[in-house]
């Protein structure tokens, strides 16, 4: 079948790669766009390098900075009963936050993860093995290895024990946080989110699993005392004086006595 005039025109256009106008505009548009992409890439690279070599300056920073050391008093309690102190572990001293005897927290940021605004109670929970503190749970481990302890694991909505003499027996409880930023603060600040509790020097914090309306008790006096002692401990360096011994050479004086001459006269 013979091709129509339209068909022959389409064939010629296809064979030639497009009309004359297209041939003229395609290379210019293509290479222009390519040039723009290359220029933008170079600008982005130069800018990124400049930012890397000239980081933003912030002389004041946000405390606590790396190298800063603070202390805080901690208390753990559930259904009106205080829980034992967290076990201490000297192996954790390489971290930014770790526990000292009597539930004193040492806050000494080691990286950006636990410095500045990241120095929170939630971060402490992340760094202590097996300790889970959140808006809905409080799980306290049985040892420094982080082994779980079902007897000290609590979840919102769980009821307090009904054993004889138990306080708040059978009442539904939830995880609650109370903190005092100064010793003069009478009423604590209450929250349910540990991530909002940013550490401050000599802060006192209580984590409790208590019925609604019950405020956790403040840390024990012994914890407050230990916190104060840790914060005021001064490392004493004894300097041994250096003694320099000087040897003085003594000069020796030699005295020569002339011989005595005796003259005998003959008579």
Protein backbone atom coordinates (compact mmCIF):
# COMPACT_ATOMS: atom_id res chain seq x y z
CA UNK A 1 0.00 0.00 0.00
CA UNK A 2 1.39 3.39 -0.95
CA UNK A 3 2.25 5.72 1.87
CA UNK A 4 0.30 8.92 2.18
CA UNK A 5 1.94 12.33 2.03
CA UNK A 6 1.59 12.66 5.84
CA UNK A 7 3.24 9.33 6.41
CA UNK A 8 6.18 10.24 4.19
CA UNK A 9 6.58 13.54 6.09
CA UNK A 10 6.63 11.78 9.47
CA UNK A 11 9.23 9.35 8.16
CA UNK A 12 11.47 12.13 6.98
CA UNK A 13 11.20 13.97 10.28
CA UNK A 14 12.00 10.83 12.23
CA UNK A 15 14.99 10.07 10.03
CA UNK A 16 16.39 13.55 10.36
CA UNK A 17 15.98 13.66 14.15
CA UNK A 18 13.41 16.45 14.28
CA UNK A 19 12.68 19.70 12.54
CA UNK A 20 15.17 22.45 11.93
CA UNK A 21 13.89 24.55 14.82
CA UNK A 22 14.28 21.64 17.26
CA UNK A 23 17.78 20.93 16.01
CA UNK A 24 18.79 24.49 16.68
CA UNK A 25 17.25 24.80 20.20
CA UNK A 26 18.03 21.37 21.68
CA UNK A 27 21.81 21.71 22.12
CA UNK A 28 21.58 25.18 23.63
CA UNK A 29 18.93 24.24 26.19
CA UNK A 30 20.63 20.98 27.10
CA UNK A 31 24.09 22.39 27.66
CA UNK A 32 22.68 25.46 29.41
CA UNK A 33 20.86 23.28 31.93
CA UNK A 34 23.97 21.13 32.38
CA UNK A 35 26.06 24.24 33.07
CA UNK A 36 23.58 25.44 35.70
CA UNK A 37 23.69 22.06 37.46
CA UNK A 38 27.49 22.06 37.51
CA UNK A 39 27.65 25.61 38.87
CA UNK A 40 25.12 24.86 41.62
CA UNK A 41 27.08 21.74 42.58
CA UNK A 42 30.32 23.70 42.86
CA UNK A 43 28.66 26.42 44.94
CA UNK A 44 27.18 23.83 47.31
CA UNK A 45 30.56 22.11 47.69
CA UNK A 46 32.39 25.36 48.42
CA UNK A 47 29.73 26.43 50.91
CA UNK A 48 29.81 23.08 52.72
CA UNK A 49 33.60 23.25 52.96
CA UNK A 50 33.41 26.78 54.34
CA UNK A 51 30.86 25.75 56.98
CA UNK A 52 33.07 22.82 57.98
CA UNK A 53 36.17 25.00 58.33
CA UNK A 54 34.29 27.89 60.00
CA UNK A 55 31.77 26.37 62.43
CA UNK A 56 29.35 28.76 64.15
CA UNK A 57 30.87 30.27 67.26
CA UNK A 58 29.00 29.98 70.54
CA UNK A 59 31.34 31.02 73.35
CA UNK A 60 28.73 30.69 76.10
CA UNK A 61 27.32 27.33 75.03
CA UNK A 62 24.56 25.53 76.88
CA UNK A 63 25.39 23.97 80.22
CA UNK A 64 26.39 21.39 81.14
CA UNK A 65 29.18 21.39 78.59
CA UNK A 66 31.75 18.62 78.15
CA UNK A 67 34.15 18.96 81.08
CA UNK A 68 31.48 20.26 83.47
CA UNK A 69 30.62 18.17 86.55
CA UNK A 70 27.33 18.39 88.43
CA UNK A 71 25.65 16.20 91.03
CA UNK A 72 22.00 15.35 91.65
CA UNK A 73 20.14 13.42 94.36
CA UNK A 74 17.84 10.60 93.26
CA UNK A 75 15.05 8.61 94.89
CA UNK A 76 13.16 5.59 93.52
CA UNK A 77 9.86 4.58 95.10
CA UNK A 78 6.71 2.63 94.37
CA UNK A 79 3.32 2.61 96.11
CA UNK A 80 4.60 4.64 99.05
CA UNK A 81 7.67 2.45 99.58
CA UNK A 82 11.24 3.50 98.86
CA UNK A 83 13.23 1.15 96.65
CA UNK A 84 16.86 0.21 97.37
CA UNK A 85 19.66 2.39 96.04
CA UNK A 86 20.81 1.63 92.52
CA UNK A 87 23.99 -0.46 92.46
CA UNK A 88 27.12 1.50 91.60
CA UNK A 89 29.52 0.32 88.93
CA UNK A 90 32.96 1.82 88.43
CA UNK A 91 32.96 0.49 84.86
CA UNK A 92 30.33 3.10 83.98
CA UNK A 93 32.62 6.01 84.85
CA UNK A 94 33.55 6.44 81.21
CA UNK A 95 30.00 7.54 80.52
CA UNK A 96 28.68 11.04 80.92
CA UNK A 97 26.26 10.04 83.68
CA UNK A 98 26.59 7.34 86.30
CA UNK A 99 25.44 6.55 89.82
CA UNK A 100 27.50 7.04 92.98
CA UNK A 101 26.76 5.54 96.42
CA UNK A 102 23.46 6.54 98.07
CA UNK A 103 21.80 7.27 94.70
CA UNK A 104 23.84 10.36 93.85
CA UNK A 105 23.99 10.96 90.09
CA UNK A 106 27.23 12.33 88.69
CA UNK A 107 26.62 14.39 85.55
CA UNK A 108 29.86 14.87 83.62
CA UNK A 109 29.03 15.06 79.90
CA UNK A 110 31.33 13.04 77.66
CA UNK A 111 29.75 13.83 74.29
CA UNK A 112 26.99 15.80 72.61
CA UNK A 113 24.58 12.98 73.50
CA UNK A 114 24.56 13.91 77.19
CA UNK A 115 25.61 17.56 77.22
CA UNK A 116 23.65 20.79 76.93
CA UNK A 117 19.93 20.27 76.47
CA UNK A 118 20.53 16.52 76.16
CA UNK A 119 21.55 16.27 79.82
CA UNK A 120 18.16 14.99 80.95
CA UNK A 121 16.84 12.36 83.33
CA UNK A 122 15.73 10.32 80.31
CA UNK A 123 19.33 10.28 79.06
CA UNK A 124 20.52 9.04 82.44
CA UNK A 125 18.01 6.21 82.15
CA UNK A 126 19.42 5.33 78.74
CA UNK A 127 22.96 5.20 80.09
CA UNK A 128 22.26 3.08 83.18
CA UNK A 129 22.04 -0.62 82.17
CA UNK A 130 18.54 -2.03 82.53
CA UNK A 131 16.95 1.12 83.94
CA UNK A 132 13.79 1.99 82.01
CA UNK A 133 12.06 5.26 82.80
CA UNK A 134 9.44 6.65 80.45
CA UNK A 135 6.03 8.26 80.48
CA UNK A 136 4.40 4.89 81.15
CA UNK A 137 7.03 2.54 82.64
CA UNK A 138 9.58 2.27 85.42
CA UNK A 139 11.75 -0.84 85.42
CA UNK A 140 14.55 -0.97 87.98
CA UNK A 141 17.22 -3.65 87.37
CA UNK A 142 18.38 -6.02 90.07
CA UNK A 143 22.12 -5.54 89.45
CA UNK A 144 24.71 -3.48 87.57
CA UNK A 145 24.48 -5.84 84.61
CA UNK A 146 20.96 -4.64 83.93
CA UNK A 147 19.17 -7.90 84.74
CA UNK A 148 15.40 -7.37 84.83
CA UNK A 149 13.57 -7.65 88.12
CA UNK A 150 9.82 -8.43 87.85
CA UNK A 151 9.30 -7.22 91.43
CA UNK A 152 10.43 -3.70 90.51
CA UNK A 153 8.86 -3.41 87.06
CA UNK A 154 5.86 -1.11 86.83
CA UNK A 155 3.48 -0.01 84.07
CA UNK A 156 0.77 2.63 84.12
CA UNK A 157 -2.59 1.13 85.13
CA UNK A 158 -1.02 -1.55 87.28
CA UNK A 159 -2.43 -1.81 90.83
CA UNK A 160 -0.36 -1.49 93.99
CA UNK A 161 0.25 -4.73 95.95
CA UNK A 162 -2.49 -5.94 98.25
CA UNK A 163 -0.21 -7.62 100.74
CA UNK A 164 -0.82 -7.01 104.42
CA UNK A 165 0.41 -3.59 105.51
CA UNK A 166 0.94 -2.36 101.95
CA UNK A 167 0.27 1.31 101.37
CA UNK A 168 -2.30 2.22 98.71
CA UNK A 169 -3.19 -1.48 98.44
CA UNK A 170 -5.10 -2.26 95.25
CA UNK A 171 -5.05 1.33 93.98
CA UNK A 172 -4.19 1.89 90.34
CA UNK A 173 -0.91 3.80 89.94
CA UNK A 174 1.17 5.51 87.30
CA UNK A 175 4.75 6.69 86.81
CA UNK A 176 5.28 10.20 88.20
CA UNK A 177 8.37 12.41 88.41
CA UNK A 178 8.96 15.12 91.00
CA UNK A 179 11.99 17.42 91.12
CA UNK A 180 13.35 20.28 93.17
CA UNK A 181 15.87 22.60 91.51
CA UNK A 182 16.88 24.26 94.82
CA UNK A 183 16.87 23.22 98.48
CA UNK A 184 14.63 26.17 99.25
CA UNK A 185 11.91 24.90 96.90
CA UNK A 186 9.08 23.55 99.04
CA UNK A 187 6.71 22.15 96.43
CA UNK A 188 8.28 20.07 93.65
CA UNK A 189 7.57 20.35 89.95
CA UNK A 190 5.54 17.33 88.80
CA UNK A 191 5.74 15.79 85.35
CA UNK A 192 5.20 12.47 83.61
CA UNK A 193 7.97 12.90 81.01
CA UNK A 194 11.60 12.36 82.11
CA UNK A 195 12.86 13.94 78.88
CA UNK A 196 11.64 17.33 80.12
CA UNK A 197 13.74 17.16 83.30
CA UNK A 198 17.05 18.84 82.43
CA UNK A 199 19.71 18.48 85.09
CA UNK A 200 20.90 21.43 87.15
CA UNK A 201 23.52 21.61 89.92
CA UNK A 202 22.35 20.04 93.20
CA UNK A 203 18.97 19.04 91.75
CA UNK A 204 16.82 16.56 93.69
CA UNK A 205 14.70 14.10 91.71
CA UNK A 206 12.21 11.44 92.74
CA UNK A 207 10.83 8.78 90.42
CA UNK A 208 7.69 7.18 91.77
CA UNK A 209 4.98 4.74 90.78
CA UNK A 210 2.10 6.17 92.76
CA UNK A 211 -1.71 6.55 92.62
CA UNK A 212 -3.07 9.77 91.13
CA UNK A 213 -2.69 12.71 93.48
CA UNK A 214 0.21 11.19 95.42
CA UNK A 215 3.46 13.18 95.22
CA UNK A 216 6.67 11.15 95.42
CA UNK A 217 8.76 11.77 98.52
CA UNK A 218 11.99 13.77 98.18
CA UNK A 219 15.36 11.98 98.25
CA UNK A 220 16.60 10.78 101.62
CA UNK A 221 18.73 13.09 103.81
CA UNK A 222 21.68 10.73 103.40
CA UNK A 223 21.48 11.19 99.63
CA UNK A 224 21.37 14.97 100.02
CA UNK A 225 24.39 14.81 102.34
CA UNK A 226 26.38 12.61 99.98
CA UNK A 227 25.53 14.88 97.07
CA UNK A 228 26.84 17.89 98.97
CA UNK A 229 30.01 16.03 99.96
CA UNK A 230 30.67 14.92 96.38
CA UNK A 231 30.12 18.44 95.08
CA UNK A 232 32.57 19.97 97.55
CA UNK A 233 35.29 17.33 97.41
CA UNK A 234 38.63 18.95 96.59
CA UNK A 235 41.49 16.93 95.20
CA UNK A 236 44.67 17.79 97.12
CA UNK A 237 47.99 17.55 95.35
CA UNK A 238 51.08 17.23 97.56
CA UNK A 239 54.18 18.85 96.14
CA UNK A 240 57.53 17.36 97.16
CA UNK A 241 60.22 20.08 97.32
CA UNK A 242 63.32 19.51 95.28
CA UNK A 243 66.56 19.76 97.29
CA UNK A 244 69.67 20.89 95.43
CA UNK A 245 72.99 19.89 96.96
CA UNK A 246 76.00 22.07 96.22
CA UNK A 247 79.47 20.72 96.88
CA UNK A 248 81.99 23.42 97.82
CA UNK A 249 85.59 22.62 97.14
CA UNK A 250 87.75 23.62 100.11
CA UNK A 251 90.99 25.33 99.20
CA UNK A 252 94.16 23.86 100.86
CA UNK A 253 96.81 26.31 102.05
CA UNK A 254 100.40 25.02 102.36
CA UNK A 255 102.79 26.91 104.62
CA UNK A 256 106.55 26.48 103.99
CA UNK A 257 108.83 27.07 106.99
CA UNK A 258 112.36 28.07 106.08
CA UNK A 259 115.09 25.93 107.69
CA UNK A 260 116.88 27.32 110.72
CA UNK A 261 120.65 27.83 110.27
CA UNK A 262 122.92 27.57 113.35
CA UNK A 263 126.38 29.19 113.18
CA UNK A 264 129.15 27.93 115.55
CA UNK A 265 132.11 30.21 116.18
CA UNK A 266 135.50 28.72 116.93
CA UNK A 267 137.23 30.39 119.85
